[in-house]
Amino acid sequence: MVSVDRNTVNLRTSASTQSTILFELGQGYPLEVISRKGRWLQVRDFENDKGWVYRPMVGKKAHLVVKANVANVRSAPSTNSRILGKVEYGELLRTLEHRNKWVRVERESGSKGWVSRGLLWGW
């Protein structure tokens, strides 16, 4: 796994700056590495879109994407704990800690809480 390490990075059709841009990815966006070609990585996102990114543009900061329509953010790693808020499909979260089948995350707003690992994709 890698994550976008710049404000935006182009996802391309092949391992070249001359190839077509499929779309831009924002900072922190997690990607699964499928293969390598020189300084390029073929990657897949949480929706199974595939393309190529230039390796110096990605890093190892752990992030996750919400893959459920809506997920509860809780005060502790348990379904019995208080719900602090909700996150929605496609929202990007920073990974802070893993505990059993739960992940402590931080939202872009800075709020923190626990989300069930099965509702997330990435690290």
PDB file of N, CA and C in Angstrom:
ATOM      1  N   MET A   1       0.842  -1.191   0.000  1.00  0.00           N
ATOM      2  CA  MET A   1       0.000   0.000   0.000  1.00  0.00           C
ATOM      3  C   MET A   1       0.882   1.247   0.000  1.00  0.00           C
ATOM      4  N   VAL A   2       0.389   2.285  -0.664  1.00  0.00           N
ATOM      5  CA  VAL A   2       1.007   3.607  -0.658  1.00  0.00           C
ATOM      6  C   VAL A   2      -0.121   4.624  -0.544  1.00  0.00           C
ATOM      7  N   SER A   3       0.238   5.890  -0.293  1.00  0.00           N
ATOM      8  CA  SER A   3      -0.765   6.954  -0.293  1.00  0.00           C
ATOM      9  C   SER A   3      -0.183   8.173  -0.996  1.00  0.00           C
ATOM     10  N   VAL A   4      -1.063   8.977  -1.558  1.00  0.00           N
ATOM     11  CA  VAL A   4      -0.647  10.177  -2.284  1.00  0.00           C
ATOM     12  C   VAL A   4       0.063  11.116  -1.314  1.00  0.00           C
ATOM     13  N   ASP A   5       1.257  11.563  -1.708  1.00  0.00           N
ATOM     14  CA  ASP A   5       2.106  12.374  -0.834  1.00  0.00           C
ATOM     15  C   ASP A   5       2.227  13.823  -1.317  1.00  0.00           C
ATOM     16  N   ARG A   6       1.360  14.233  -2.215  1.00  0.00           N
ATOM     17  CA  ARG A   6       1.318  15.606  -2.746  1.00  0.00           C
ATOM     18  C   ARG A   6      -0.124  16.101  -2.658  1.00  0.00           C
ATOM     19  N   ASN A   7      -0.356  17.372  -2.945  1.00  0.00           N
ATOM     20  CA  ASN A   7      -1.736  17.887  -2.946  1.00  0.00           C
ATOM     21  C   ASN A   7      -2.604  17.106  -3.914  1.00  0.00           C
ATOM     22  N   THR A   8      -2.097  16.885  -5.127  1.00  0.00           N
ATOM     23  CA  THR A   8      -2.786  16.052  -6.113  1.00  0.00           C
ATOM     24  C   THR A   8      -1.756  15.284  -6.926  1.00  0.00           C
ATOM     25  N   VAL A   9      -2.172  14.125  -7.388  1.00  0.00           N
ATOM     26  CA  VAL A   9      -1.342  13.268  -8.237  1.00  0.00           C
ATOM     27  C   VAL A   9      -2.233  12.752  -9.364  1.00  0.00           C
ATOM     28  N   ASN A  10      -1.678  12.687 -10.563  1.00  0.00           N
ATOM     29  CA  ASN A  10      -2.424  12.164 -11.707  1.00  0.00           C
ATOM     30  C   ASN A  10      -2.364  10.643 -11.749  1.00  0.00           C
ATOM     31  N   LEU A  11      -3.509  10.019 -11.930  1.00  0.00           N
ATOM     32  CA  LEU A  11      -3.575   8.585 -12.204  1.00  0.00           C
ATOM     33  C   LEU A  11      -3.632   8.464 -13.727  1.00  0.00           C
ATOM     34  N   ARG A  12      -2.672   7.755 -14.315  1.00  0.00           N
ATOM     35  CA  ARG A  12      -2.518   7.719 -15.772  1.00  0.00           C
ATOM     36  C   ARG A  12      -2.786   6.324 -16.340  1.00  0.00           C
ATOM     37  N   THR A  13      -3.032   6.290 -17.654  1.00  0.00           N
ATOM     38  CA  THR A  13      -3.325   5.027 -18.336  1.00  0.00           C
ATOM     39  C   THR A  13      -2.099   4.139 -18.497  1.00  0.00           C
ATOM     40  N   SER A  14      -0.899   4.736 -18.506  1.00  0.00           N
ATOM     41  CA  SER A  14       0.328   3.946 -18.607  1.00  0.00           C
ATOM     42  C   SER A  14       1.466   4.670 -17.885  1.00  0.00           C
ATOM     43  N   ALA A  15       2.605   4.035 -17.815  1.00  0.00           N
ATOM     44  CA  ALA A  15       3.747   4.540 -17.053  1.00  0.00           C
ATOM     45  C   ALA A  15       4.517   5.601 -17.829  1.00  0.00           C
ATOM     46  N   SER A  16       3.872   6.739 -18.073  1.00  0.00           N
ATOM     47  CA  SER A  16       4.494   7.825 -18.825  1.00  0.00           C
ATOM     48  C   SER A  16       3.751   9.127 -18.563  1.00  0.00           C
ATOM     49  N   THR A  17       4.494  10.227 -18.489  1.00  0.00           N
ATOM     50  CA  THR A  17       3.845  11.534 -18.324  1.00  0.00           C
ATOM     51  C   THR A  17       3.121  11.942 -19.606  1.00  0.00           C
ATOM     52  N   GLN A  18       3.357  11.246 -20.687  1.00  0.00           N
ATOM     53  CA  GLN A  18       2.673  11.525 -21.953  1.00  0.00           C
ATOM     54  C   GLN A  18       1.343  10.786 -22.068  1.00  0.00           C
ATOM     55  N   SER A  19       1.089   9.842 -21.184  1.00  0.00           N
ATOM     56  CA  SER A  19      -0.150   9.055 -21.263  1.00  0.00           C
ATOM     57  C   SER A  19      -1.345   9.860 -20.743  1.00  0.00           C
ATOM     58  N   THR A  20      -2.512   9.397 -21.079  1.00  0.00           N
ATOM     59  CA  THR A  20      -3.762  10.061 -20.700  1.00  0.00           C
ATOM     60  C   THR A  20      -3.954  10.039 -19.181  1.00  0.00           C
ATOM     61  N   ILE A  21      -4.429  11.166 -18.646  1.00  0.00           N
ATOM     62  CA  ILE A  21      -4.761  11.257 -17.224  1.00  0.00           C
ATOM     63  C   ILE A  21      -6.182  10.725 -17.036  1.00  0.00           C
ATOM     64  N   LEU A  22      -6.321   9.702 -16.207  1.00  0.00           N
ATOM     65  CA  LEU A  22      -7.645   9.157 -15.905  1.00  0.00           C
ATOM     66  C   LEU A  22      -8.398  10.077 -14.950  1.00  0.00           C
ATOM     67  N   PHE A  23      -7.728  10.466 -13.855  1.00  0.00           N
ATOM     68  CA  PHE A  23      -8.256  11.441 -12.909  1.00  0.00           C
ATOM     69  C   PHE A  23      -7.179  11.818 -11.913  1.00  0.00           C
ATOM     70  N   GLU A  24      -7.452  12.842 -11.106  1.00  0.00           N
ATOM     71  CA  GLU A  24      -6.518  13.286 -10.071  1.00  0.00           C
ATOM     72  C   GLU A  24      -6.904  12.674  -8.740  1.00  0.00           C
ATOM     73  N   LEU A  25      -5.891  12.367  -7.944  1.00  0.00           N
ATOM     74  CA  LEU A  25      -6.084  11.823  -6.606  1.00  0.00           C
ATOM     75  C   LEU A  25      -5.579  12.843  -5.595  1.00  0.00           C
ATOM     76  N   GLY A  26      -6.321  13.030  -4.503  1.00  0.00           N
ATOM     77  CA  GLY A  26      -5.936  13.994  -3.482  1.00  0.00           C
ATOM     78  C   GLY A  26      -4.975  13.428  -2.457  1.00  0.00           C
ATOM     79  N   GLN A  27      -4.372  14.331  -1.716  1.00  0.00           N
ATOM     80  CA  GLN A  27      -3.383  13.960  -0.702  1.00  0.00           C
ATOM     81  C   GLN A  27      -3.951  12.968   0.301  1.00  0.00           C
ATOM     82  N   GLY A  28      -3.146  11.924   0.572  1.00  0.00           N
ATOM     83  CA  GLY A  28      -3.518  10.896   1.541  1.00  0.00           C
ATOM     84  C   GLY A  28      -4.262   9.725   0.943  1.00  0.00           C
ATOM     85  N   TYR A  29      -4.764   9.855  -0.269  1.00  0.00           N
ATOM     86  CA  TYR A  29      -5.573   8.803  -0.874  1.00  0.00           C
ATOM     87  C   TYR A  29      -4.791   7.494  -0.936  1.00  0.00           C
ATOM     88  N   PRO A  30      -5.320   6.402  -0.360  1.00  0.00           N
ATOM     89  CA  PRO A  30      -4.595   5.126  -0.342  1.00  0.00           C
ATOM     90  C   PRO A  30      -4.729   4.370  -1.659  1.00  0.00           C
ATOM     91  N   LEU A  31      -3.674   3.670  -2.021  1.00  0.00           N
ATOM     92  CA  LEU A  31      -3.633   2.887  -3.257  1.00  0.00           C
ATOM     93  C   LEU A  31      -2.926   1.564  -3.007  1.00  0.00           C
ATOM     94  N   GLU A  32      -3.421   0.520  -3.615  1.00  0.00           N
ATOM     95  CA  GLU A  32      -2.776  -0.782  -3.540  1.00  0.00           C
ATOM     96  C   GLU A  32      -1.841  -0.923  -4.738  1.00  0.00           C
ATOM     97  N   VAL A  33      -0.592  -1.271  -4.493  1.00  0.00           N
ATOM     98  CA  VAL A  33       0.378  -1.442  -5.572  1.00  0.00           C
ATOM     99  C   VAL A  33       0.183  -2.815  -6.204  1.00  0.00           C
ATOM    100  N   ILE A  34       0.017  -2.814  -7.538  1.00  0.00           N
ATOM    101  CA  ILE A  34      -0.176  -4.053  -8.292  1.00  0.00           C
ATOM    102  C   ILE A  34       1.137  -4.497  -8.924  1.00  0.00           C
ATOM    103  N   SER A  35       1.854  -3.538  -9.526  1.00  0.00           N
ATOM    104  CA  SER A  35       3.138  -3.856 -10.163  1.00  0.00           C
ATOM    105  C   SER A  35       3.993  -2.601 -10.257  1.00  0.00           C
ATOM    106  N   ARG A  36       5.235  -2.788 -10.684  1.00  0.00           N
ATOM    107  CA  ARG A  36       6.194  -1.680 -10.814  1.00  0.00           C
ATOM    108  C   ARG A  36       6.810  -1.719 -12.208  1.00  0.00           C
ATOM    109  N   LYS A  37       7.130  -0.517 -12.703  1.00  0.00           N
ATOM    110  CA  LYS A  37       7.812  -0.402 -13.990  1.00  0.00           C
ATOM    111  C   LYS A  37       8.717   0.816 -13.890  1.00  0.00           C
ATOM    112  N   GLY A  38      10.009   0.570 -13.629  1.00  0.00           N
ATOM    113  CA  GLY A  38      10.932   1.682 -13.410  1.00  0.00           C
ATOM    114  C   GLY A  38      10.508   2.490 -12.199  1.00  0.00           C
ATOM    115  N   ARG A  39      10.311   3.785 -12.381  1.00  0.00           N
ATOM    116  CA  ARG A  39       9.904   4.663 -11.272  1.00  0.00           C
ATOM    117  C   ARG A  39       8.391   4.854 -11.204  1.00  0.00           C
ATOM    118  N   TRP A  40       7.653   3.969 -11.855  1.00  0.00           N
ATOM    119  CA  TRP A  40       6.198   4.042 -11.882  1.00  0.00           C
ATOM    120  C   TRP A  40       5.586   2.857 -11.144  1.00  0.00           C
ATOM    121  N   LEU A  41       4.405   3.084 -10.569  1.00  0.00           N
ATOM    122  CA  LEU A  41       3.663   2.030  -9.886  1.00  0.00           C
ATOM    123  C   LEU A  41       2.292   1.876 -10.537  1.00  0.00           C
ATOM    124  N   GLN A  42       1.942   0.645 -10.846  1.00  0.00           N
ATOM    125  CA  GLN A  42       0.564   0.389 -11.251  1.00  0.00           C
ATOM    126  C   GLN A  42      -0.219   0.156  -9.971  1.00  0.00           C
ATOM    127  N   VAL A  43      -1.325   0.864  -9.821  1.00  0.00           N
ATOM    128  CA  VAL A  43      -2.076   0.844  -8.569  1.00  0.00           C
ATOM    129  C   VAL A  43      -3.565   0.597  -8.815  1.00  0.00           C
ATOM    130  N   ARG A  44      -4.235   0.259  -7.701  1.00  0.00           N
ATOM    131  CA  ARG A  44      -5.685   0.039  -7.702  1.00  0.00           C
ATOM    132  C   ARG A  44      -6.253   0.811  -6.514  1.00  0.00           C
ATOM    133  N   ASP A  45      -7.430   1.432  -6.712  1.00  0.00           N
ATOM    134  CA  ASP A  45      -8.069   2.134  -5.600  1.00  0.00           C
ATOM    135  C   ASP A  45      -9.197   1.296  -5.012  1.00  0.00           C
ATOM    136  N   PHE A  46      -9.925   1.850  -4.062  1.00  0.00           N
ATOM    137  CA  PHE A  46     -10.947   1.084  -3.348  1.00  0.00           C
ATOM    138  C   PHE A  46     -12.142   0.715  -4.223  1.00  0.00           C
ATOM    139  N   GLU A  47     -12.303   1.373  -5.364  1.00  0.00           N
ATOM    140  CA  GLU A  47     -13.382   1.034  -6.298  1.00  0.00           C
ATOM    141  C   GLU A  47     -12.879   0.152  -7.440  1.00  0.00           C
ATOM    142  N   ASN A  48     -11.644  -0.338  -7.296  1.00  0.00           N
ATOM    143  CA  ASN A  48     -10.992  -1.225  -8.251  1.00  0.00           C
ATOM    144  C   ASN A  48     -10.586  -0.524  -9.549  1.00  0.00           C
ATOM    145  N   ASP A  49     -10.529   0.810  -9.547  1.00  0.00           N
ATOM    146  CA  ASP A  49      -9.982   1.545 -10.683  1.00  0.00           C
ATOM    147  C   ASP A  49      -8.474   1.316 -10.700  1.00  0.00           C
ATOM    148  N   LYS A  50      -7.905   1.123 -11.889  1.00  0.00           N
ATOM    149  CA  LYS A  50      -6.468   0.860 -12.013  1.00  0.00           C
ATOM    150  C   LYS A  50      -5.819   1.929 -12.878  1.00  0.00           C
ATOM    151  N   GLY A  51      -4.558   2.200 -12.584  1.00  0.00           N
ATOM    152  CA  GLY A  51      -3.794   3.149 -13.371  1.00  0.00           C
ATOM    153  C   GLY A  51      -2.365   3.200 -12.863  1.00  0.00           C
ATOM    154  N   TRP A  52      -1.635   4.214 -13.342  1.00  0.00           N
ATOM    155  CA  TRP A  52      -0.217   4.355 -13.007  1.00  0.00           C
ATOM    156  C   TRP A  52       0.040   5.690 -12.326  1.00  0.00           C
ATOM    157  N   VAL A  53       0.897   5.675 -11.293  1.00  0.00           N
ATOM    158  CA  VAL A  53       1.352   6.897 -10.627  1.00  0.00           C
ATOM    159  C   VAL A  53       2.876   6.888 -10.575  1.00  0.00           C
ATOM    160  N   TYR A  54       3.444   8.081 -10.573  1.00  0.00           N
ATOM    161  CA  TYR A  54       4.896   8.233 -10.482  1.00  0.00           C
ATOM    162  C   TYR A  54       5.311   8.004  -9.035  1.00  0.00           C
ATOM    163  N   ARG A  55       6.203   7.060  -8.794  1.00  0.00           N
ATOM    164  CA  ARG A  55       6.544   6.624  -7.439  1.00  0.00           C
ATOM    165  C   ARG A  55       6.987   7.745  -6.496  1.00  0.00           C
ATOM    166  N   PRO A  56       7.785   8.745  -6.930  1.00  0.00           N
ATOM    167  CA  PRO A  56       8.167   9.816  -5.995  1.00  0.00           C
ATOM    168  C   PRO A  56       6.990  10.660  -5.478  1.00  0.00           C
ATOM    169  N   MET A  57       5.807  10.491  -6.052  1.00  0.00           N
ATOM    170  CA  MET A  57       4.634  11.269  -5.646  1.00  0.00           C
ATOM    171  C   MET A  57       3.794  10.588  -4.563  1.00  0.00           C
ATOM    172  N   VAL A  58       4.204   9.384  -4.148  1.00  0.00           N
ATOM    173  CA  VAL A  58       3.450   8.657  -3.123  1.00  0.00           C
ATOM    174  C   VAL A  58       4.365   8.331  -1.942  1.00  0.00           C
ATOM    175  N   GLY A  59       3.751   8.048  -0.804  1.00  0.00           N
ATOM    176  CA  GLY A  59       4.501   7.743   0.409  1.00  0.00           C
ATOM    177  C   GLY A  59       3.845   6.637   1.206  1.00  0.00           C
ATOM    178  N   LYS A  60       4.212   6.546   2.472  1.00  0.00           N
ATOM    179  CA  LYS A  60       3.756   5.451   3.325  1.00  0.00           C
ATOM    180  C   LYS A  60       2.909   5.905   4.514  1.00  0.00           C
ATOM    181  N   LYS A  61       2.283   7.099   4.448  1.00  0.00           N
ATOM    182  CA  LYS A  61       1.398   7.524   5.532  1.00  0.00           C
ATOM    183  C   LYS A  61       0.086   6.761   5.410  1.00  0.00           C
ATOM    184  N   ALA A  62      -0.267   6.055   6.468  1.00  0.00           N
ATOM    185  CA  ALA A  62      -1.431   5.168   6.430  1.00  0.00           C
ATOM    186  C   ALA A  62      -2.751   5.947   6.422  1.00  0.00           C
ATOM    187  N   HIS A  63      -3.556   5.681   5.400  1.00  0.00           N
ATOM    188  CA  HIS A  63      -4.885   6.269   5.264  1.00  0.00           C
ATOM    189  C   HIS A  63      -5.876   5.181   4.877  1.00  0.00           C
ATOM    190  N   LEU A  64      -7.143   5.495   5.085  1.00  0.00           N
ATOM    191  CA  LEU A  64      -8.227   4.583   4.739  1.00  0.00           C
ATOM    192  C   LEU A  64      -9.318   5.348   4.017  1.00  0.00           C
ATOM    193  N   VAL A  65     -10.138   4.613   3.263  1.00  0.00           N
ATOM    194  CA  VAL A  65     -11.310   5.182   2.615  1.00  0.00           C
ATOM    195  C   VAL A  65     -12.519   4.413   3.125  1.00  0.00           C
ATOM    196  N   VAL A  66     -13.609   5.128   3.400  1.00  0.00           N
ATOM    197  CA  VAL A  66     -14.851   4.488   3.845  1.00  0.00           C
ATOM    198  C   VAL A  66     -15.470   3.777   2.644  1.00  0.00           C
ATOM    199  N   LYS A  67     -15.690   2.461   2.764  1.00  0.00           N
ATOM    200  CA  LYS A  67     -16.288   1.703   1.665  1.00  0.00           C
ATOM    201  C   LYS A  67     -17.763   1.377   1.916  1.00  0.00           C
ATOM    202  N   ALA A  68     -18.253   1.636   3.109  1.00  0.00           N
ATOM    203  CA  ALA A  68     -19.671   1.460   3.423  1.00  0.00           C
ATOM    204  C   ALA A  68     -20.419   2.748   3.060  1.00  0.00           C
ATOM    205  N   ASN A  69     -21.719   2.642   2.841  1.00  0.00           N
ATOM    206  CA  ASN A  69     -22.506   3.848   2.557  1.00  0.00           C
ATOM    207  C   ASN A  69     -22.371   4.854   3.687  1.00  0.00           C
ATOM    208  N   VAL A  70     -22.507   4.367   4.922  1.00  0.00           N
ATOM    209  CA  VAL A  70     -22.356   5.188   6.128  1.00  0.00           C
ATOM    210  C   VAL A  70     -21.765   4.298   7.216  1.00  0.00           C
ATOM    211  N   ALA A  71     -20.854   4.854   8.011  1.00  0.00           N
ATOM    212  CA  ALA A  71     -20.260   4.105   9.123  1.00  0.00           C
ATOM    213  C   ALA A  71     -20.258   4.978  10.370  1.00  0.00           C
ATOM    214  N   ASN A  72     -20.482   4.360  11.509  1.00  0.00           N
ATOM    215  CA  ASN A  72     -20.435   5.076  12.783  1.00  0.00           C
ATOM    216  C   ASN A  72     -18.996   5.276  13.234  1.00  0.00           C
ATOM    217  N   VAL A  73     -18.726   6.453  13.765  1.00  0.00           N
ATOM    218  CA  VAL A  73     -17.450   6.742  14.416  1.00  0.00           C
ATOM    219  C   VAL A  73     -17.749   6.688  15.906  1.00  0.00           C
ATOM    220  N   ARG A  74     -17.028   5.834  16.623  1.00  0.00           N
ATOM    221  CA  ARG A  74     -17.345   5.576  18.034  1.00  0.00           C
ATOM    222  C   ARG A  74     -16.240   6.055  18.966  1.00  0.00           C
ATOM    223  N   SER A  75     -16.606   6.185  20.232  1.00  0.00           N
ATOM    224  CA  SER A  75     -15.666   6.674  21.250  1.00  0.00           C
ATOM    225  C   SER A  75     -14.649   5.620  21.680  1.00  0.00           C
ATOM    226  N   ALA A  76     -14.952   4.346  21.445  1.00  0.00           N
ATOM    227  CA  ALA A  76     -14.066   3.241  21.810  1.00  0.00           C
ATOM    228  C   ALA A  76     -14.271   2.118  20.790  1.00  0.00           C
ATOM    229  N   PRO A  77     -13.351   1.162  20.716  1.00  0.00           N
ATOM    230  CA  PRO A  77     -13.456   0.081  19.732  1.00  0.00           C
ATOM    231  C   PRO A  77     -14.472  -0.994  20.116  1.00  0.00           C
ATOM    232  N   SER A  78     -15.747  -0.612  20.114  1.00  0.00           N
ATOM    233  CA  SER A  78     -16.824  -1.526  20.489  1.00  0.00           C
ATOM    234  C   SER A  78     -18.148  -0.996  19.945  1.00  0.00           C
ATOM    235  N   THR A  79     -19.023  -1.909  19.523  1.00  0.00           N
ATOM    236  CA  THR A  79     -20.346  -1.489  19.068  1.00  0.00           C
ATOM    237  C   THR A  79     -21.208  -0.993  20.231  1.00  0.00           C
ATOM    238  N   ASN A  80     -20.758  -1.229  21.450  1.00  0.00           N
ATOM    239  CA  ASN A  80     -21.477  -0.745  22.632  1.00  0.00           C
ATOM    240  C   ASN A  80     -21.064   0.672  23.031  1.00  0.00           C
ATOM    241  N   SER A  81     -20.028   1.206  22.411  1.00  0.00           N
ATOM    242  CA  SER A  81     -19.548   2.537  22.784  1.00  0.00           C
ATOM    243  C   SER A  81     -20.376   3.639  22.114  1.00  0.00           C
ATOM    244  N   ARG A  82     -20.241   4.826  22.634  1.00  0.00           N
ATOM    245  CA  ARG A  82     -21.012   5.984  22.176  1.00  0.00           C
ATOM    246  C   ARG A  82     -20.652   6.347  20.736  1.00  0.00           C
ATOM    247  N   ILE A  83     -21.665   6.700  19.941  1.00  0.00           N
ATOM    248  CA  ILE A  83     -21.451   7.153  18.563  1.00  0.00           C
ATOM    249  C   ILE A  83     -21.116   8.636  18.598  1.00  0.00           C
ATOM    250  N   LEU A  84     -19.947   8.973  18.046  1.00  0.00           N
ATOM    251  CA  LEU A  84     -19.491  10.365  18.014  1.00  0.00           C
ATOM    252  C   LEU A  84     -19.932  11.083  16.744  1.00  0.00           C
ATOM    253  N   GLY A  85     -20.138  10.307  15.686  1.00  0.00           N
ATOM    254  CA  GLY A  85     -20.517  10.876  14.398  1.00  0.00           C
ATOM    255  C   GLY A  85     -20.580   9.790  13.358  1.00  0.00           C
ATOM    256  N   LYS A  86     -20.712  10.211  12.112  1.00  0.00           N
ATOM    257  CA  LYS A  86     -20.794   9.263  11.010  1.00  0.00           C
ATOM    258  C   LYS A  86     -19.855   9.698   9.895  1.00  0.00           C
ATOM    259  N   VAL A  87     -19.350   8.726   9.140  1.00  0.00           N
ATOM    260  CA  VAL A  87     -18.547   8.986   7.950  1.00  0.00           C
ATOM    261  C   VAL A  87     -19.267   8.326   6.777  1.00  0.00           C
ATOM    262  N   GLU A  88     -19.031   8.862   5.580  1.00  0.00           N
ATOM    263  CA  GLU A  88     -19.752   8.388   4.408  1.00  0.00           C
ATOM    264  C   GLU A  88     -18.823   7.796   3.356  1.00  0.00           C
ATOM    265  N   TYR A  89     -19.413   7.062   2.448  1.00  0.00           N
ATOM    266  CA  TYR A  89     -18.711   6.391   1.353  1.00  0.00           C
ATOM    267  C   TYR A  89     -17.736   7.350   0.673  1.00  0.00           C
ATOM    268  N   GLY A  90     -16.492   6.878   0.530  1.00  0.00           N
ATOM    269  CA  GLY A  90     -15.474   7.652  -0.167  1.00  0.00           C
ATOM    270  C   GLY A  90     -14.708   8.634   0.690  1.00  0.00           C
ATOM    271  N   GLU A  91     -15.116   8.821   1.961  1.00  0.00           N
ATOM    272  CA  GLU A  91     -14.410   9.777   2.825  1.00  0.00           C
ATOM    273  C   GLU A  91     -13.032   9.239   3.191  1.00  0.00           C
ATOM    274  N   LEU A  92     -12.047  10.123   3.170  1.00  0.00           N
ATOM    275  CA  LEU A  92     -10.665   9.776   3.474  1.00  0.00           C
ATOM    276  C   LEU A  92     -10.394   9.982   4.958  1.00  0.00           C
ATOM    277  N   LEU A  93      -9.766   8.976   5.597  1.00  0.00           N
ATOM    278  CA  LEU A  93      -9.465   9.009   7.027  1.00  0.00           C
ATOM    279  C   LEU A  93      -8.003   8.665   7.252  1.00  0.00           C
ATOM    280  N   ARG A  94      -7.376   9.338   8.187  1.00  0.00           N
ATOM    281  CA  ARG A  94      -5.983   9.038   8.570  1.00  0.00           C
ATOM    282  C   ARG A  94      -5.999   7.906   9.598  1.00  0.00           C
ATOM    283  N   THR A  95      -5.166   6.908   9.407  1.00  0.00           N
ATOM    284  CA  THR A  95      -5.062   5.777  10.329  1.00  0.00           C
ATOM    285  C   THR A  95      -4.177   6.165  11.508  1.00  0.00           C
ATOM    286  N   LEU A  96      -4.698   6.014  12.725  1.00  0.00           N
ATOM    287  CA  LEU A  96      -3.929   6.338  13.921  1.00  0.00           C
ATOM    288  C   LEU A  96      -3.504   5.096  14.704  1.00  0.00           C
ATOM    289  N   GLU A  97      -4.391   4.100  14.753  1.00  0.00           N
ATOM    290  CA  GLU A  97      -4.123   2.917  15.580  1.00  0.00           C
ATOM    291  C   GLU A  97      -5.042   1.776  15.154  1.00  0.00           C
ATOM    292  N   HIS A  98      -4.562   0.536  15.277  1.00  0.00           N
ATOM    293  CA  HIS A  98      -5.363  -0.665  15.023  1.00  0.00           C
ATOM    294  C   HIS A  98      -5.561  -1.392  16.345  1.00  0.00           C
ATOM    295  N   ARG A  99      -6.760  -1.889  16.570  1.00  0.00           N
ATOM    296  CA  ARG A  99      -7.022  -2.711  17.749  1.00  0.00           C
ATOM    297  C   ARG A  99      -8.075  -3.756  17.383  1.00  0.00           C
ATOM    298  N   ASN A 100      -7.658  -5.005  17.309  1.00  0.00           N
ATOM    299  CA  ASN A 100      -8.515  -6.107  16.884  1.00  0.00           C
ATOM    300  C   ASN A 100      -9.143  -5.776  15.538  1.00  0.00           C
ATOM    301  N   LYS A 101     -10.448  -5.705  15.451  1.00  0.00           N
ATOM    302  CA  LYS A 101     -11.129  -5.427  14.179  1.00  0.00           C
ATOM    303  C   LYS A 101     -11.587  -3.974  14.085  1.00  0.00           C
ATOM    304  N   TRP A 102     -10.874  -3.096  14.782  1.00  0.00           N
ATOM    305  CA  TRP A 102     -11.216  -1.676  14.809  1.00  0.00           C
ATOM    306  C   TRP A 102     -10.015  -0.819  14.439  1.00  0.00           C
ATOM    307  N   VAL A 103     -10.286   0.379  13.931  1.00  0.00           N
ATOM    308  CA  VAL A 103      -9.225   1.320  13.592  1.00  0.00           C
ATOM    309  C   VAL A 103      -9.573   2.681  14.184  1.00  0.00           C
ATOM    310  N   ARG A 104      -8.612   3.269  14.886  1.00  0.00           N
ATOM    311  CA  ARG A 104      -8.785   4.642  15.365  1.00  0.00           C
ATOM    312  C   ARG A 104      -8.359   5.548  14.220  1.00  0.00           C
ATOM    313  N   VAL A 105      -9.248   6.472  13.855  1.00  0.00           N
ATOM    314  CA  VAL A 105      -9.023   7.313  12.681  1.00  0.00           C
ATOM    315  C   VAL A 105      -9.147   8.783  13.035  1.00  0.00           C
ATOM    316  N   GLU A 106      -8.617   9.604  12.135  1.00  0.00           N
ATOM    317  CA  GLU A 106      -8.766  11.053  12.256  1.00  0.00           C
ATOM    318  C   GLU A 106      -9.361  11.574  10.958  1.00  0.00           C
ATOM    319  N   ARG A 107     -10.416  12.369  11.093  1.00  0.00           N
ATOM    320  CA  ARG A 107     -11.056  12.979   9.929  1.00  0.00           C
ATOM    321  C   ARG A 107     -10.309  14.251   9.546  1.00  0.00           C
ATOM    322  N   GLU A 108     -10.597  14.759   8.376  1.00  0.00           N
ATOM    323  CA  GLU A 108      -9.969  15.992   7.902  1.00  0.00           C
ATOM    324  C   GLU A 108     -10.221  17.146   8.869  1.00  0.00           C
ATOM    325  N   SER A 109     -11.365  17.136   9.546  1.00  0.00           N
ATOM    326  CA  SER A 109     -11.723  18.180  10.517  1.00  0.00           C
ATOM    327  C   SER A 109     -10.888  18.110  11.790  1.00  0.00           C
ATOM    328  N   GLY A 110     -10.185  16.958  11.985  1.00  0.00           N
ATOM    329  CA  GLY A 110      -9.385  16.772  13.187  1.00  0.00           C
ATOM    330  C   GLY A 110     -10.063  15.909  14.230  1.00  0.00           C
ATOM    331  N   SER A 111     -11.361  15.630  14.056  1.00  0.00           N
ATOM    332  CA  SER A 111     -12.052  14.771  15.024  1.00  0.00           C
ATOM    333  C   SER A 111     -11.545  13.340  14.891  1.00  0.00           C
ATOM    334  N   LYS A 112     -11.537  12.630  16.016  1.00  0.00           N
ATOM    335  CA  LYS A 112     -10.991  11.274  16.072  1.00  0.00           C
ATOM    336  C   LYS A 112     -12.010  10.321  16.653  1.00  0.00           C
ATOM    337  N   GLY A 113     -11.889   9.061  16.303  1.00  0.00           N
ATOM    338  CA  GLY A 113     -12.767   8.042  16.847  1.00  0.00           C
ATOM    339  C   GLY A 113     -12.439   6.689  16.243  1.00  0.00           C
ATOM    340  N   TRP A 114     -13.251   5.702  16.579  1.00  0.00           N
ATOM    341  CA  TRP A 114     -13.036   4.322  16.159  1.00  0.00           C
ATOM    342  C   TRP A 114     -14.083   3.900  15.132  1.00  0.00           C
ATOM    343  N   VAL A 115     -13.628   3.182  14.096  1.00  0.00           N
ATOM    344  CA  VAL A 115     -14.518   2.658  13.057  1.00  0.00           C
ATOM    345  C   VAL A 115     -14.190   1.183  12.864  1.00  0.00           C
ATOM    346  N   SER A 116     -15.222   0.376  12.645  1.00  0.00           N
ATOM    347  CA  SER A 116     -15.017  -1.048  12.388  1.00  0.00           C
ATOM    348  C   SER A 116     -14.191  -1.225  11.119  1.00  0.00           C
ATOM    349  N   ARG A 117     -13.139  -2.047  11.184  1.00  0.00           N
ATOM    350  CA  ARG A 117     -12.199  -2.244  10.075  1.00  0.00           C
ATOM    351  C   ARG A 117     -12.887  -2.752   8.805  1.00  0.00           C
ATOM    352  N   GLY A 118     -13.932  -3.556   8.961  1.00  0.00           N
ATOM    353  CA  GLY A 118     -14.642  -4.116   7.811  1.00  0.00           C
ATOM    354  C   GLY A 118     -15.352  -3.089   6.956  1.00  0.00           C
ATOM    355  N   LEU A 119     -15.505  -1.864   7.446  1.00  0.00           N
ATOM    356  CA  LEU A 119     -16.201  -0.809   6.718  1.00  0.00           C
ATOM    357  C   LEU A 119     -15.239   0.101   5.982  1.00  0.00           C
ATOM    358  N   LEU A 120     -13.932  -0.215   6.048  1.00  0.00           N
ATOM    359  CA  LEU A 120     -12.897   0.642   5.501  1.00  0.00           C
ATOM    360  C   LEU A 120     -12.024  -0.101   4.506  1.00  0.00           C
ATOM    361  N   TRP A 121     -11.316   0.655   3.636  1.00  0.00           N
ATOM    362  CA  TRP A 121     -10.382   0.077   2.691  1.00  0.00           C
ATOM    363  C   TRP A 121      -9.072   0.846   2.776  1.00  0.00           C
ATOM    364  N   GLY A 122      -7.963   0.133   2.752  1.00  0.00           N
ATOM    365  CA  GLY A 122      -6.645   0.747   2.820  1.00  0.00           C
ATOM    366  C   GLY A 122      -5.818   0.080   3.903  1.00  0.00           C
ATOM    367  N   TRP A 123      -5.001   0.876   4.569  1.00  0.00           N
ATOM    368  CA  TRP A 123      -4.123   0.342   5.604  1.00  0.00           C
ATOM    369  C   TRP A 123      -4.921  -0.199   6.758  1.00  0.00           C
TER     370      TRP A 123
END
